[in-house]
Structures are given as structure tokens and as C-alpha cells.
Amino acid sequence: MVSSLKKLMEEPTLVDGDDPEETYTTSGVSWEAYERLLAKLQDNSNYRVTYLDGILEIVSPSKRHESAKTRFSFLISFYLWKKRIIHFPFGSTTFKNEARNAGAEPDECYNFLEEKDIPDLAIEVVVTSGSISKLEIYRRLGVAEVWFWLRNQQLKIYHLRDKSQKQQADIFTATYGYEEISKSEFLPQLDIDLLVRCLLIKDPIEGNDEFEKNI
């Protein structure tokens, strides 16, 4: 699988991914090469591409990843609809900024009240740990809030406080100008504990019913 991901940088023919989530990372990639890869993948949803300062990461999402993403997206979308919150969903749209050497494709993302060039909220489902800090990328892109649904089935929410924050050395502890918060500042009435509890219910219908009953 890794070899097929490597070929994406060189060959125009795409290789279907297997179920296991695998990651290929390489450095020294020019912005032009990154743009060429995005063009090659524009009609293919099997991969997520992340770019930061010449480091390129390609992920082939697993079924587990896509299942969690889909359930998460459904509950958030249902909440926004139920509460009549004006929003604009953009799924896994590519957002990039050449001047800041950064690009990402969130699992889900939203604008609130009006459409903008950059999402207000980006959501990432983390099944395997990547080598690029998504928070640093989202800081450079100007995304105000980022949610991470982690492998240990916890939800972490970060809101951008310092847009000028410099990249830090330790990507595992750095927050890059973001502050971890307990409730979304865009959706302050959303019960995060309820959301997590419903996501952990094995039967999706039971989880959806529990969520609807309590929001």
C-alpha cells in the first residue's frame, strides 16, 4: 500500500486503497508538486493530502475512519438543522495558502451565518498519528476552531487565540496559538458529553435516537 501511495507523486494512474489506514510522508516537496498531486487526485476521494513547509502527507482512510467521520457529520448536521443554525458544510474541500506553505483537507468543515473562503470549524478524525501538525496548518489558514475525534474516543476542541504564534518544535504538545476548550464557541449550546456518548453507542440508529431525544 505504501508503495502505491508513493506512486501518486510520479504516476497518473491511481491505485485503489485497502481498508487499513496507511500514511505516506515525504519532505522536500515543492508547492508546484503539491498542486500537481491535488490536480491528479481531484476526482478521487480515496486519499487525504496535507502539506506544510515542503512536507507532504498522503493518507488512505480506513473504513473505521470513514465510519466515524460519517456518524460525526450526521450528528452535527442534524443538530444544526434542528436548532435552525445557518451553516454551510464543505466536507473535505481542499484549503491551501501558497504564501504560508500550508494546505489541508479536513474530514468535515463548516462556515456559520455566511459562506467564507476559509471554514470557521474544521473536524478531523484521527485513526493514525500523522507527522504534520494539523493545528499549525489550520492556524496558517486562519481556521478559528478545530475539533479532533481521537483514537481513544475522546473529542478535543481548540479555538484560535494567537494567529501570530510561531511553529514550535514539539508537534505532540504544541497548540500553535490555539487554546483547548470544553465547549465550542460557535455552538455553545451543544452538549459535548452527549455528542460523545452518542458517538460511542455501537448501534447508529440507537445513537441517533439518543442524540435527538436529548438535544
Protein backbone atom coordinates (compact mmCIF):
# COMPACT_ATOMS: atom_id res chain seq x y z
CA MET A 1 0.00 0.00 0.00
CA VAL A 2 2.81 2.43 0.88
CA SER A 3 4.43 1.81 -2.49
CA SER A 4 1.16 2.67 -4.24
CA LEU A 5 0.95 5.91 -2.27
CA LYS A 6 4.48 6.78 -3.35
CA LYS A 7 3.48 6.28 -6.96
CA LEU A 8 0.92 9.06 -6.60
CA MET A 9 3.81 11.50 -6.70
CA GLU A 10 5.01 10.16 -10.04
CA GLU A 11 2.33 8.23 -11.92
CA PRO A 12 -1.01 9.46 -13.28
CA THR A 13 -2.79 6.14 -12.59
CA LEU A 14 -4.28 5.92 -9.11
CA VAL A 15 -4.29 2.70 -7.11
CA ASP A 16 -7.32 1.78 -5.02
CA GLY A 17 -6.66 1.82 -1.29
CA ASP A 18 -7.07 -1.14 1.04
CA ASP A 19 -9.12 -0.96 4.22
CA PRO A 20 -6.20 -0.45 6.66
CA GLU A 21 -5.41 3.24 7.09
CA GLU A 22 -1.90 3.92 5.90
CA THR A 23 0.16 7.06 5.66
CA TYR A 24 2.96 8.08 3.34
CA THR A 25 5.06 11.12 4.28
CA THR A 26 7.85 12.75 2.33
CA SER A 27 9.79 16.02 2.61
CA GLY A 28 11.34 18.44 0.17
CA VAL A 29 8.16 18.65 -1.91
CA SER A 30 7.70 21.90 -3.83
CA TRP A 31 4.43 23.78 -3.87
CA GLU A 32 4.18 23.06 -7.59
CA ALA A 33 4.48 19.30 -6.97
CA TYR A 34 1.82 19.55 -4.28
CA GLU A 35 -0.50 21.36 -6.70
CA ARG A 36 0.10 18.71 -9.37
CA LEU A 37 -0.79 15.96 -6.92
CA LEU A 38 -4.00 17.75 -5.93
CA ALA A 39 -4.95 18.04 -9.60
CA LYS A 40 -4.29 14.33 -10.07
CA LEU A 41 -6.49 13.48 -7.09
CA GLN A 42 -9.33 15.92 -7.74
CA ASP A 43 -11.73 13.17 -8.87
CA ASN A 44 -10.59 10.63 -6.27
CA SER A 45 -11.88 10.58 -2.69
CA ASN A 46 -9.66 7.71 -1.51
CA TYR A 47 -6.90 9.97 -0.22
CA ARG A 48 -6.40 12.97 2.08
CA VAL A 49 -3.43 15.23 1.36
CA THR A 50 -1.77 17.55 3.87
CA TYR A 51 1.09 19.96 3.17
CA LEU A 52 3.30 22.06 5.46
CA ASP A 53 6.64 23.68 4.59
CA GLY A 54 7.56 21.11 1.96
CA ILE A 55 6.42 18.11 3.99
CA LEU A 56 3.67 16.17 2.23
CA GLU A 57 1.45 13.58 3.88
CA ILE A 58 -0.94 11.30 2.00
CA VAL A 59 -3.45 9.25 3.96
CA SER A 60 -5.67 6.45 2.68
CA PRO A 61 -8.60 6.50 5.15
CA SER A 62 -9.78 3.18 6.56
CA LYS A 63 -13.39 2.04 6.86
CA ARG A 64 -13.15 2.74 10.59
CA HIS A 65 -12.08 6.31 9.85
CA GLU A 66 -14.84 6.89 7.31
CA SER A 67 -17.48 5.32 9.56
CA ALA A 68 -16.55 7.62 12.45
CA LYS A 69 -16.46 10.63 10.13
CA THR A 70 -19.88 9.84 8.68
CA ARG A 71 -21.53 9.37 12.08
CA PHE A 72 -19.92 12.52 13.42
CA SER A 73 -21.03 14.52 10.39
CA PHE A 74 -24.60 13.23 10.65
CA LEU A 75 -25.00 14.22 14.30
CA ILE A 76 -23.51 17.68 13.78
CA SER A 77 -25.60 18.29 10.67
CA PHE A 78 -28.75 17.09 12.46
CA TYR A 79 -28.01 19.41 15.40
CA LEU A 80 -27.50 22.40 13.11
CA TRP A 81 -30.73 21.63 11.27
CA LYS A 82 -32.72 21.02 14.47
CA LYS A 83 -31.51 24.26 16.04
CA ARG A 84 -32.04 26.20 12.81
CA ILE A 85 -28.42 27.38 12.75
CA ILE A 86 -27.43 28.86 9.41
CA HIS A 87 -24.44 26.93 8.17
CA PHE A 88 -22.58 25.96 5.03
CA PRO A 89 -20.93 22.49 5.02
CA PHE A 90 -17.91 21.92 2.78
CA GLY A 91 -16.95 18.32 3.55
CA SER A 92 -13.34 17.53 2.66
CA THR A 93 -12.70 20.55 0.46
CA THR A 94 -9.01 21.38 -0.06
CA PHE A 95 -7.94 24.63 1.61
CA LYS A 96 -4.47 25.95 0.86
CA ASN A 97 -2.34 29.08 1.04
CA GLU A 98 0.83 29.19 -1.04
CA ALA A 99 2.22 32.25 0.75
CA ARG A 100 2.00 30.37 4.05
CA ASN A 101 3.14 26.99 2.67
CA ALA A 102 0.16 25.14 4.08
CA GLY A 103 -2.74 23.05 2.83
CA ALA A 104 -5.20 20.57 4.30
CA GLU A 105 -8.38 18.60 3.61
CA PRO A 106 -10.44 18.32 6.80
CA ASP A 107 -12.81 15.41 7.27
CA GLU A 108 -15.65 17.86 7.67
CA CYS A 109 -15.81 21.64 7.85
CA TYR A 110 -18.40 24.40 8.19
CA ASN A 111 -18.99 28.11 7.86
CA PHE A 112 -21.63 29.70 10.03
CA LEU A 113 -24.05 32.51 9.09
CA GLU A 114 -22.34 33.13 5.74
CA GLU A 115 -20.00 31.49 3.25
CA LYS A 116 -16.33 32.38 3.54
CA ASP A 117 -13.11 31.34 1.81
CA ILE A 118 -11.91 29.51 4.94
CA PRO A 119 -14.06 27.37 7.27
CA ASP A 120 -14.94 28.56 10.74
CA LEU A 121 -14.82 24.99 12.03
CA ALA A 122 -12.74 22.04 10.82
CA ILE A 123 -13.21 18.48 12.10
CA GLU A 124 -10.52 15.80 11.98
CA VAL A 125 -10.98 12.11 12.75
CA VAL A 126 -7.65 10.73 13.97
CA VAL A 127 -7.12 6.99 13.48
CA THR A 128 -3.36 7.04 12.87
CA SER A 129 -0.97 9.73 14.08
CA GLY A 130 0.47 11.86 11.31
CA SER A 131 3.81 13.62 11.26
CA ILE A 132 2.40 17.05 10.40
CA SER A 133 0.74 19.30 12.95
CA LYS A 134 -2.77 19.98 11.72
CA LEU A 135 -3.15 22.82 14.22
CA GLU A 136 -0.20 24.68 12.71
CA ILE A 137 -1.69 24.26 9.24
CA TYR A 138 -5.10 25.45 10.36
CA ARG A 139 -3.51 28.42 12.17
CA ARG A 140 -1.80 29.46 8.95
CA LEU A 141 -5.03 29.07 7.04
CA GLY A 142 -6.94 31.08 9.65
CA VAL A 143 -9.42 28.40 10.79
CA ALA A 144 -10.90 29.62 14.06
CA GLU A 145 -11.91 26.29 15.61
CA VAL A 146 -10.67 22.72 15.16
CA TRP A 147 -12.16 19.53 16.60
CA PHE A 148 -10.25 16.25 16.83
CA TRP A 149 -12.07 12.94 17.33
CA LEU A 150 -9.18 10.85 18.68
CA ARG A 151 -8.33 7.16 18.60
CA ASN A 152 -9.07 6.87 22.32
CA GLN A 153 -12.61 8.05 21.50
CA GLN A 154 -12.20 11.47 23.04
CA LEU A 155 -13.16 14.78 21.48
CA LYS A 156 -10.67 17.65 21.74
CA ILE A 157 -11.77 21.17 20.83
CA TYR A 158 -9.36 24.02 20.08
CA HIS A 159 -10.08 27.69 19.40
CA LEU A 160 -7.53 30.02 17.81
CA ARG A 161 -6.32 32.79 20.13
CA ASP A 162 -2.95 33.87 18.69
CA LYS A 163 -2.73 33.98 14.90
CA SER A 164 0.90 35.10 15.06
CA GLN A 165 2.11 32.04 17.02
CA LYS A 166 5.33 30.64 15.59
CA GLN A 167 5.69 26.95 14.82
CA GLN A 168 7.03 25.05 17.81
CA ALA A 169 9.45 22.14 17.82
CA ASP A 170 7.33 19.53 19.58
CA ILE A 171 4.30 18.82 17.39
CA PHE A 172 2.86 16.46 20.01
CA THR A 173 2.47 19.09 22.73
CA ALA A 174 2.35 22.38 20.84
CA THR A 175 -1.02 24.05 20.31
CA TYR A 176 0.27 26.72 17.88
CA GLY A 177 -1.77 29.59 19.24
CA TYR A 178 -4.90 27.50 19.86
CA GLU A 179 -6.48 27.09 23.29
CA GLU A 180 -8.12 23.81 24.26
CA ILE A 181 -11.69 24.49 25.36
CA SER A 182 -14.52 22.36 26.76
CA LYS A 183 -17.32 23.77 24.59
CA SER A 184 -17.44 25.08 21.06
CA GLU A 185 -17.56 28.86 20.81
CA PHE A 186 -19.55 28.53 17.59
CA LEU A 187 -22.01 26.02 19.10
CA PRO A 188 -22.00 26.88 22.82
CA GLN A 189 -25.33 25.14 23.50
CA LEU A 190 -24.17 21.81 22.08
CA ASP A 191 -23.74 19.25 24.87
CA ILE A 192 -20.32 17.79 24.06
CA ASP A 193 -20.69 14.95 26.58
CA LEU A 194 -23.96 13.95 24.91
CA LEU A 195 -22.37 14.06 21.47
CA VAL A 196 -19.50 11.82 22.57
CA ARG A 197 -21.83 9.42 24.38
CA CYS A 198 -23.98 9.01 21.28
CA LEU A 199 -20.98 8.51 19.03
CA LEU A 200 -19.87 5.65 21.28
CA ILE A 201 -23.19 3.80 21.02
CA LYS A 202 -22.47 0.87 18.73
CA ASP A 203 -25.87 0.86 17.03
CA PRO A 204 -26.01 4.05 14.90
CA ILE A 205 -29.80 4.27 15.00
CA GLU A 206 -29.84 3.95 18.77
CA GLY A 207 -27.12 6.61 18.98
CA ASN A 208 -29.01 8.96 16.66
CA ASP A 209 -32.25 8.45 18.62
CA GLU A 210 -30.49 9.16 21.91
CA PHE A 211 -28.99 12.34 20.47
CA GLU A 212 -32.31 13.57 19.04
CA LYS A 213 -34.12 12.89 22.31
CA ASN A 214 -31.69 14.96 24.38
CA ILE A 215 -30.76 17.98 22.30
